[in-house]
C-alpha atoms as a PDB file:
ATOM      1  CA  MET A   1    -112.809  -9.694 -17.302  1.00  0.00           C
ATOM      2  CA  GLU A   2    -113.870  -6.601 -17.858  1.00  0.00           C
ATOM      3  CA  GLU A   3    -110.561  -5.176 -17.266  1.00  0.00           C
ATOM      4  CA  PHE A   4    -109.619  -5.912 -21.101  1.00  0.00           C
ATOM      5  CA  ASP A   5    -109.817  -4.056 -23.917  1.00  0.00           C
ATOM      6  CA  THR A   6    -110.555  -5.755 -26.852  1.00  0.00           C
ATOM      7  CA  THR A   7    -110.830  -2.498 -29.352  1.00  0.00           C
ATOM      8  CA  SER A   8    -107.047  -2.052 -28.667  1.00  0.00           C
ATOM      9  CA  ASP A   9    -104.192  -2.852 -31.528  1.00  0.00           C
ATOM     10  CA  GLN A  10    -102.020  -5.070 -29.201  1.00  0.00           C
ATOM     11  CA  SER A  11    -104.481  -7.858 -29.340  1.00  0.00           C
ATOM     12  CA  ILE A  12    -101.664 -10.452 -28.847  1.00  0.00           C
ATOM     13  CA  GLU A  13    -101.295  -8.620 -25.203  1.00  0.00           C
ATOM     14  CA  VAL A  14    -105.234  -8.696 -24.858  1.00  0.00           C
ATOM     15  CA  LEU A  15    -104.873 -12.627 -25.781  1.00  0.00           C
ATOM     16  CA  ASP A  16    -102.132 -12.909 -23.564  1.00  0.00           C
ATOM     17  CA  LYS A  17    -103.890 -11.274 -20.508  1.00  0.00           C
ATOM     18  CA  PHE A  18    -106.951 -13.355 -21.201  1.00  0.00           C
ATOM     19  CA  THR A  19    -105.518 -16.729 -21.265  1.00  0.00           C
ATOM     20  CA  GLU A  20    -104.002 -15.813 -18.011  1.00  0.00           C
ATOM     21  CA  TRP A  21    -107.406 -15.017 -16.704  1.00  0.00           C
ATOM     22  CA  VAL A  22    -108.900 -17.645 -17.657  1.00  0.00           C
ATOM     23  CA  GLU A  23    -106.050 -19.908 -16.404  1.00  0.00           C
ATOM     24  CA  SER A  24    -106.079 -17.914 -12.819  1.00  0.00           C
ATOM     25  CA  PHE A  25    -110.004 -18.605 -12.654  1.00  0.00           C
ATOM     26  CA  CYS A  26    -109.659 -22.713 -13.686  1.00  0.00           C
ATOM     27  CA  VAL A  27    -107.561 -22.590 -10.423  1.00  0.00           C
ATOM     28  CA  GLU A  28    -109.084 -20.469  -8.311  1.00  0.00           C
ATOM     29  CA  ASN A  29    -112.435 -22.523  -9.440  1.00  0.00           C
ATOM     30  CA  ASN A  30    -110.946 -25.885  -8.739  1.00  0.00           C
ATOM     31  CA  ILE A  31    -111.768 -26.816 -12.266  1.00  0.00           C
ATOM     32  CA  VAL A  32    -110.362 -30.175 -13.133  1.00  0.00           C
ATOM     33  CA  GLU A  33    -106.757 -30.586 -13.947  1.00  0.00           C
ATOM     34  CA  TYR A  34    -106.459 -34.060 -15.186  1.00  0.00           C
ATOM     35  CA  LYS A  35    -103.829 -36.143 -13.685  1.00  0.00           C
ATOM     36  CA  ASP A  36    -102.959 -40.211 -14.951  1.00  0.00           C
ATOM     37  CA  SER A  37    -103.691 -42.417 -11.963  1.00  0.00           C
ATOM     38  CA  GLU A  38    -100.475 -43.559 -10.591  1.00  0.00           C
ATOM     39  CA  THR A  39    -101.824 -47.104 -11.467  1.00  0.00           C
ATOM     40  CA  TYR A  40    -102.690 -46.567 -14.926  1.00  0.00           C
ATOM     41  CA  ALA A  41     -99.674 -43.906 -15.431  1.00  0.00           C
ATOM     42  CA  GLU A  42     -96.608 -46.488 -16.138  1.00  0.00           C
ATOM     43  CA  ILE A  43     -98.721 -48.392 -18.653  1.00  0.00           C
ATOM     44  CA  LEU A  44    -100.685 -45.265 -20.301  1.00  0.00           C
ATOM     45  CA  HIS A  45     -96.665 -43.613 -20.679  1.00  0.00           C
ATOM     46  CA  MET A  46     -94.991 -46.648 -22.151  1.00  0.00           C
ATOM     47  CA  SER A  47     -92.861 -45.781 -24.995  1.00  0.00           C
ATOM     48  CA  HIS A  48     -92.884 -47.273 -28.253  1.00  0.00           C
ATOM     49  CA  GLU A  49     -89.685 -49.428 -27.930  1.00  0.00           C
ATOM     50  CA  ASP A  50     -91.569 -50.690 -24.520  1.00  0.00           C
ATOM     51  CA  ILE A  51     -94.762 -51.478 -26.249  1.00  0.00           C
ATOM     52  CA  LEU A  52     -92.840 -53.341 -28.889  1.00  0.00           C
ATOM     53  CA  ALA A  53     -91.267 -55.720 -26.515  1.00  0.00           C
ATOM     54  CA  LEU A  54     -94.326 -56.519 -24.828  1.00  0.00           C
ATOM     55  CA  SER A  55     -95.209 -60.380 -25.120  1.00  0.00           C
ATOM     56  CA  SER A  56     -99.124 -61.408 -26.250  1.00  0.00           C
ATOM     57  CA  ASP A  57     -99.608 -61.703 -22.723  1.00  0.00           C
ATOM     58  CA  GLU A  58     -98.794 -58.566 -21.698  1.00  0.00           C
ATOM     59  CA  CYS A  59    -100.309 -56.892 -24.558  1.00  0.00           C
ATOM     60  CA  PHE A  60    -104.345 -58.444 -23.025  1.00  0.00           C
ATOM     61  CA  SER A  61    -102.853 -57.735 -19.599  1.00  0.00           C
ATOM     62  CA  ASN A  62    -102.297 -53.605 -20.149  1.00  0.00           C
ATOM     63  CA  ALA A  63    -105.532 -54.004 -22.403  1.00  0.00           C
ATOM     64  CA  ILE A  64    -107.568 -55.417 -19.433  1.00  0.00           C
ATOM     65  CA  THR A  65    -105.899 -52.617 -16.848  1.00  0.00           C
ATOM     66  CA  LEU A  66    -106.682 -49.560 -19.136  1.00  0.00           C
ATOM     67  CA  MET A  67    -110.408 -51.229 -19.721  1.00  0.00           C
ATOM     68  CA  ASN A  68    -110.816 -50.760 -16.109  1.00  0.00           C
ATOM     69  CA  TYR A  69    -109.114 -47.851 -16.266  1.00  0.00           C
ATOM     70  CA  ALA A  70    -111.253 -46.469 -18.723  1.00  0.00           C
ATOM     71  CA  GLY A  71    -114.467 -47.860 -17.442  1.00  0.00           C
ATOM     72  CA  MET A  72    -113.462 -45.470 -14.138  1.00  0.00           C
ATOM     73  CA  VAL A  73    -112.998 -42.137 -15.918  1.00  0.00           C
ATOM     74  CA  GLN A  74    -116.430 -43.127 -17.736  1.00  0.00           C
ATOM     75  CA  LYS A  75    -117.918 -43.543 -14.045  1.00  0.00           C
ATOM     76  CA  LYS A  76    -116.631 -39.846 -13.484  1.00  0.00           C
ATOM     77  CA  HIS A  77    -117.435 -38.821 -16.280  1.00  0.00           C
ATOM     78  CA  ASP A  78    -121.384 -39.777 -15.497  1.00  0.00           C
ATOM     79  CA  LEU A  79    -121.226 -38.404 -12.179  1.00  0.00           C
ATOM     80  CA  ILE A  80    -120.569 -35.089 -13.342  1.00  0.00           C
ATOM     81  CA  TYR A  81    -123.197 -35.503 -16.217  1.00  0.00           C
ATOM     82  CA  ALA A  82    -125.524 -35.628 -13.399  1.00  0.00           C
ATOM     83  CA  GLN A  83    -124.785 -32.947 -11.476  1.00  0.00           C
ATOM     84  CA  TYR A  84    -124.450 -30.743 -15.110  1.00  0.00           C
ATOM     85  CA  ASN A  85    -127.772 -31.924 -15.927  1.00  0.00           C
ATOM     86  CA  TRP A  86    -128.994 -30.240 -12.292  1.00  0.00           C
ATOM     87  CA  CYS A  87    -127.387 -27.014 -12.813  1.00  0.00           C
ATOM     88  CA  LEU A  88    -129.272 -27.253 -16.408  1.00  0.00           C
ATOM     89  CA  GLU A  89    -132.554 -27.510 -14.640  1.00  0.00           C
ATOM     90  CA  ALA A  90    -131.947 -25.059 -12.415  1.00  0.00           C
ATOM     91  CA  LEU A  91    -130.669 -22.537 -14.892  1.00  0.00           C
ATOM     92  CA  ASN A  92    -134.063 -23.645 -16.471  1.00  0.00           C
ATOM     93  CA  PHE A  93    -136.165 -22.821 -13.700  1.00  0.00           C
ATOM     94  CA  LEU A  94    -135.009 -19.788 -12.824  1.00  0.00           C
ATOM     95  CA  TYR A  95    -135.191 -18.644 -16.970  1.00  0.00           C
ATOM     96  CA  ALA A  96    -138.853 -19.750 -16.495  1.00  0.00           C
ATOM     97  CA  LYS A  97    -139.518 -17.740 -13.458  1.00  0.00           C
ATOM     98  CA  TYR A  98    -137.973 -14.464 -15.055  1.00  0.00           C
ATOM     99  CA  TRP A  99    -138.429 -14.685 -18.139  1.00  0.00           C
ATOM    100  CA  ASP A 100    -141.459 -12.621 -18.547  1.00  0.00           C
ATOM    101  CA  ARG A 101    -139.334  -9.564 -17.631  1.00  0.00           C
ATOM    102  CA  TYR A 102    -137.831  -8.982 -20.230  1.00  0.00           C
ATOM    103  CA  ASP A 103    -139.121  -7.532 -23.692  1.00  0.00           C
ATOM    104  CA  LYS A 104    -140.614 -10.024 -25.767  1.00  0.00           C
ATOM    105  CA  PHE A 105    -138.716  -9.409 -28.807  1.00  0.00           C
ATOM    106  CA  LEU A 106    -135.457  -9.805 -26.829  1.00  0.00           C
ATOM    107  CA  PRO A 107    -133.730 -12.724 -28.832  1.00  0.00           C
ATOM    108  CA  ALA A 108    -133.486 -15.926 -26.277  1.00  0.00           C
ATOM    109  CA  GLU A 109    -129.918 -15.696 -25.392  1.00  0.00           C
ATOM    110  CA  VAL A 110    -129.985 -12.343 -23.802  1.00  0.00           C
ATOM    111  CA  ARG A 111    -132.639 -13.116 -21.830  1.00  0.00           C
ATOM    112  CA  LYS A 112    -131.141 -15.719 -20.628  1.00  0.00           C
ATOM    113  CA  LYS A 113    -127.797 -13.942 -19.972  1.00  0.00           C
ATOM    114  CA  SER A 114    -129.828 -11.011 -18.990  1.00  0.00           C
ATOM    115  CA  ILE A 115    -131.460 -13.443 -16.114  1.00  0.00           C
ATOM    116  CA  ILE A 116    -128.044 -14.712 -14.770  1.00  0.00           C
ATOM    117  CA  ILE A 117    -126.283 -11.613 -14.772  1.00  0.00           C
ATOM    118  CA  GLU A 118    -129.061 -10.184 -12.296  1.00  0.00           C
ATOM    119  CA  ASN A 119    -129.582 -12.958 -10.001  1.00  0.00           C
ATOM    120  CA  SER A 120    -126.336 -13.962  -7.654  1.00  0.00           C
ATOM    121  CA  PHE A 121    -127.649 -17.137  -7.277  1.00  0.00           C
ATOM    122  CA  ALA A 122    -128.157 -17.997 -11.253  1.00  0.00           C
ATOM    123  CA  GLN A 123    -124.334 -16.759 -11.478  1.00  0.00           C
ATOM    124  CA  SER A 124    -123.395 -19.143  -9.225  1.00  0.00           C
ATOM    125  CA  ILE A 125    -125.414 -21.707 -11.383  1.00  0.00           C
ATOM    126  CA  GLU A 126    -123.709 -20.540 -14.106  1.00  0.00           C
ATOM    127  CA  LYS A 127    -120.313 -21.009 -12.920  1.00  0.00           C
ATOM    128  CA  CYS A 128    -120.645 -24.120 -11.841  1.00  0.00           C
ATOM    129  CA  ARG A 129    -122.172 -25.440 -14.510  1.00  0.00           C
ATOM    130  CA  LEU A 130    -119.530 -23.924 -16.782  1.00  0.00           C
ATOM    131  CA  ARG A 131    -116.848 -26.033 -14.420  1.00  0.00           C
ATOM    132  CA  LEU A 132    -118.660 -29.218 -14.589  1.00  0.00           C
ATOM    133  CA  TYR A 133    -118.959 -28.914 -18.710  1.00  0.00           C
ATOM    134  CA  ALA A 134    -115.001 -28.304 -18.298  1.00  0.00           C
ATOM    135  CA  SER A 135    -114.730 -31.296 -16.334  1.00  0.00           C
ATOM    136  CA  MET A 136    -116.676 -33.424 -18.462  1.00  0.00           C
ATOM    137  CA  GLN A 137    -114.920 -33.100 -21.874  1.00  0.00           C
ATOM    138  CA  ILE A 138    -111.420 -33.592 -20.006  1.00  0.00           C
ATOM    139  CA  LEU A 139    -112.592 -36.804 -18.905  1.00  0.00           C
ATOM    140  CA  LEU A 140    -114.242 -37.635 -22.022  1.00  0.00           C
ATOM    141  CA  GLU A 141    -111.253 -37.497 -24.105  1.00  0.00           C
ATOM    142  CA  THR A 142    -109.304 -39.353 -21.339  1.00  0.00           C
ATOM    143  CA  ALA A 143    -112.023 -42.105 -21.891  1.00  0.00           C
ATOM    144  CA  LYS A 144    -111.449 -42.256 -25.651  1.00  0.00           C
ATOM    145  CA  ASP A 145    -108.129 -41.444 -25.666  1.00  0.00           C
ATOM    146  CA  THR A 146    -107.518 -44.948 -23.221  1.00  0.00           C
ATOM    147  CA  LYS A 147    -110.164 -46.563 -25.632  1.00  0.00           C
ATOM    148  CA  LYS A 148    -107.863 -46.243 -28.547  1.00  0.00           C
ATOM    149  CA  ARG A 149    -104.534 -47.545 -26.402  1.00  0.00           C
ATOM    150  CA  VAL A 150    -107.111 -50.436 -25.466  1.00  0.00           C
ATOM    151  CA  SER A 151    -107.692 -51.331 -28.989  1.00  0.00           C
ATOM    152  CA  LEU A 152    -104.041 -50.654 -29.440  1.00  0.00           C
ATOM    153  CA  PHE A 153    -103.018 -53.204 -26.896  1.00  0.00           C
ATOM    154  CA  GLN A 154    -105.734 -55.907 -27.976  1.00  0.00           C
ATOM    155  CA  ASP A 155    -104.599 -55.583 -31.588  1.00  0.00           C
ATOM    156  CA  LEU A 156    -100.958 -55.939 -31.147  1.00  0.00           C
ATOM    157  CA  GLY A 157    -101.269 -58.989 -28.659  1.00  0.00           C
ATOM    158  CA  LYS A 158    -103.341 -60.778 -31.389  1.00  0.00           C
ATOM    159  CA  ALA A 159    -101.015 -60.047 -34.021  1.00  0.00           C
ATOM    160  CA  ARG A 160     -98.172 -61.600 -31.349  1.00  0.00           C
ATOM    161  CA  ASN A 161    -100.130 -64.503 -31.167  1.00  0.00           C
ATOM    162  CA  PHE A 162     -99.869 -65.322 -35.206  1.00  0.00           C
ATOM    163  CA  ARG A 163     -95.729 -65.411 -35.333  1.00  0.00           C
END
């Protein structure tokens, strides 16, 4: 990343290069590229017309199926969150160990970054923490979206019952 000159007048090119670098970093470090499970993809990618054509029972069936899916996604998120917390605790241990090696007037964030830069183990943990954080965000947003779809199917099923 050090190869990018952010002071140049060609900021669009710099942004494009940076975006490419981030994408290649994600691929190299196995950051989750989220794909819907085949079992649930059919329901998640239904067209507007298909949704409107569903009966009340089909709406409730889809709601239950998607609720199971949201539960699975939430469990994956919780597992990754536990690993993320492990990374934070490991970094906190390293911060505590090396904290006094730096000037007491240095801001805390600068001290933390300095500790990470000078310690290869801390660098590995930080990369892992960032990867886990990205995965957590993807799963969290997927769970939220799925729960909204569950509510949509439930509301649609209820509306169809009262016709």
